[in-house]
Amino acid sequence: MNNLSGDPKILLELITTQMPFGKYKGWLICNLPEFYLVWFKQKGFPKGKLGILLETMMEIRINGLEELLIPLKEKIKTTKKPR
């Protein structure tokens, strides 16, 4: 992960940002399948924020750190306002 800023807000973005294109368009970055993230690693991550998010999620997955996201997901569920 050579281009990560170390910004803790990135974890929140992983659980709130949707994939903007492709087969998994509309999926939250945190829910993308591992093979899809590995494919991006092999082909090259997109430039910018999306690439940082995808690369971060891949590192979380391959290192078995998904539990880091659980408290954030629970907090998001409890703070969402009903429509």
Protein backbone atom coordinates (compact mmCIF):
# COMPACT_ATOMS: atom_id res chain seq x y z
CA MET A 1 0.00 0.00 0.00
CA ASN A 2 2.28 2.67 -1.25
CA ASN A 3 -0.12 5.60 -1.61
CA LEU A 4 -2.20 5.54 1.55
CA SER A 5 -2.44 8.68 3.59
CA GLY A 6 -3.02 7.04 6.97
CA ASP A 7 -6.31 8.92 7.31
CA PRO A 8 -8.60 7.06 9.76
CA LYS A 9 -11.64 8.41 7.89
CA ILE A 10 -10.79 6.00 5.11
CA LEU A 11 -12.29 3.12 7.12
CA LEU A 12 -15.60 4.98 7.24
CA GLU A 13 -15.41 5.56 3.50
CA LEU A 14 -14.93 1.82 2.91
CA ILE A 15 -18.34 1.12 4.44
CA THR A 16 -20.18 4.05 2.83
CA THR A 17 -18.72 4.36 -0.69
CA GLN A 18 -20.28 2.44 -3.56
CA MET A 19 -18.39 0.98 -6.49
CA PRO A 20 -19.15 3.43 -9.32
CA PHE A 21 -18.79 1.08 -12.31
CA GLY A 22 -18.46 -2.48 -13.55
CA LYS A 23 -20.03 -5.77 -12.55
CA TYR A 24 -20.23 -4.67 -8.91
CA LYS A 25 -21.57 -1.16 -9.55
CA GLY A 26 -23.55 -0.03 -6.51
CA TRP A 27 -21.86 -2.45 -4.10
CA LEU A 28 -20.21 -0.98 -1.03
CA ILE A 29 -16.42 -1.17 -1.28
CA CYS A 30 -16.33 -3.22 1.94
CA ASN A 31 -18.59 -5.86 0.36
CA LEU A 32 -16.64 -6.41 -2.86
CA PRO A 33 -15.40 -9.99 -3.33
CA GLU A 34 -11.73 -10.60 -2.62
CA PHE A 35 -11.07 -11.99 -6.11
CA TYR A 36 -12.30 -8.70 -7.60
CA LEU A 37 -9.88 -6.73 -5.41
CA VAL A 38 -7.03 -9.07 -6.34
CA TRP A 39 -7.92 -8.61 -10.02
CA PHE A 40 -7.57 -4.84 -9.61
CA LYS A 41 -4.20 -5.35 -7.93
CA GLN A 42 -3.02 -7.39 -10.92
CA LYS A 43 -4.43 -5.00 -13.53
CA GLY A 44 -3.72 -1.79 -11.63
CA PHE A 45 -5.90 0.11 -9.21
CA PRO A 46 -7.76 3.16 -10.54
CA LYS A 47 -6.18 6.53 -9.86
CA GLY A 48 -7.38 8.72 -7.04
CA LYS A 49 -9.60 8.06 -4.06
CA LEU A 50 -11.28 4.97 -5.52
CA GLY A 51 -7.94 3.28 -6.04
CA ILE A 52 -6.91 4.05 -2.48
CA LEU A 53 -10.17 2.61 -1.16
CA LEU A 54 -9.89 -0.56 -3.25
CA GLU A 55 -6.26 -1.10 -2.29
CA THR A 56 -7.02 -0.53 1.38
CA MET A 57 -9.93 -2.97 1.30
CA MET A 58 -7.78 -5.58 -0.39
CA GLU A 59 -5.12 -5.25 2.32
CA ILE A 60 -7.77 -5.52 5.03
CA ARG A 61 -9.16 -8.68 3.41
CA ILE A 62 -5.91 -10.50 2.74
CA ASN A 63 -4.69 -9.76 6.27
CA GLY A 64 -7.95 -10.90 7.88
CA LEU A 65 -8.73 -7.52 9.41
CA GLU A 66 -12.41 -7.23 8.44
CA GLU A 67 -13.29 -7.04 12.15
CA LEU A 68 -11.96 -3.47 12.11
CA LEU A 69 -15.03 -2.48 10.11
CA ILE A 70 -17.68 -4.13 12.32
CA PRO A 71 -17.94 -1.37 14.97
CA LEU A 72 -18.15 1.26 12.24
CA LYS A 73 -20.89 -0.65 10.41
CA GLU A 74 -22.87 -0.96 13.64
CA LYS A 75 -22.43 2.74 14.39
CA ILE A 76 -23.63 3.69 10.90
CA LYS A 77 -26.74 1.52 11.33
CA THR A 78 -27.65 3.20 14.62
CA THR A 79 -27.03 6.75 13.41
CA LYS A 80 -28.99 6.57 10.16
CA LYS A 81 -32.16 8.61 10.28
CA PRO A 82 -35.37 7.01 9.02
CA ARG A 83 -36.70 8.47 5.78
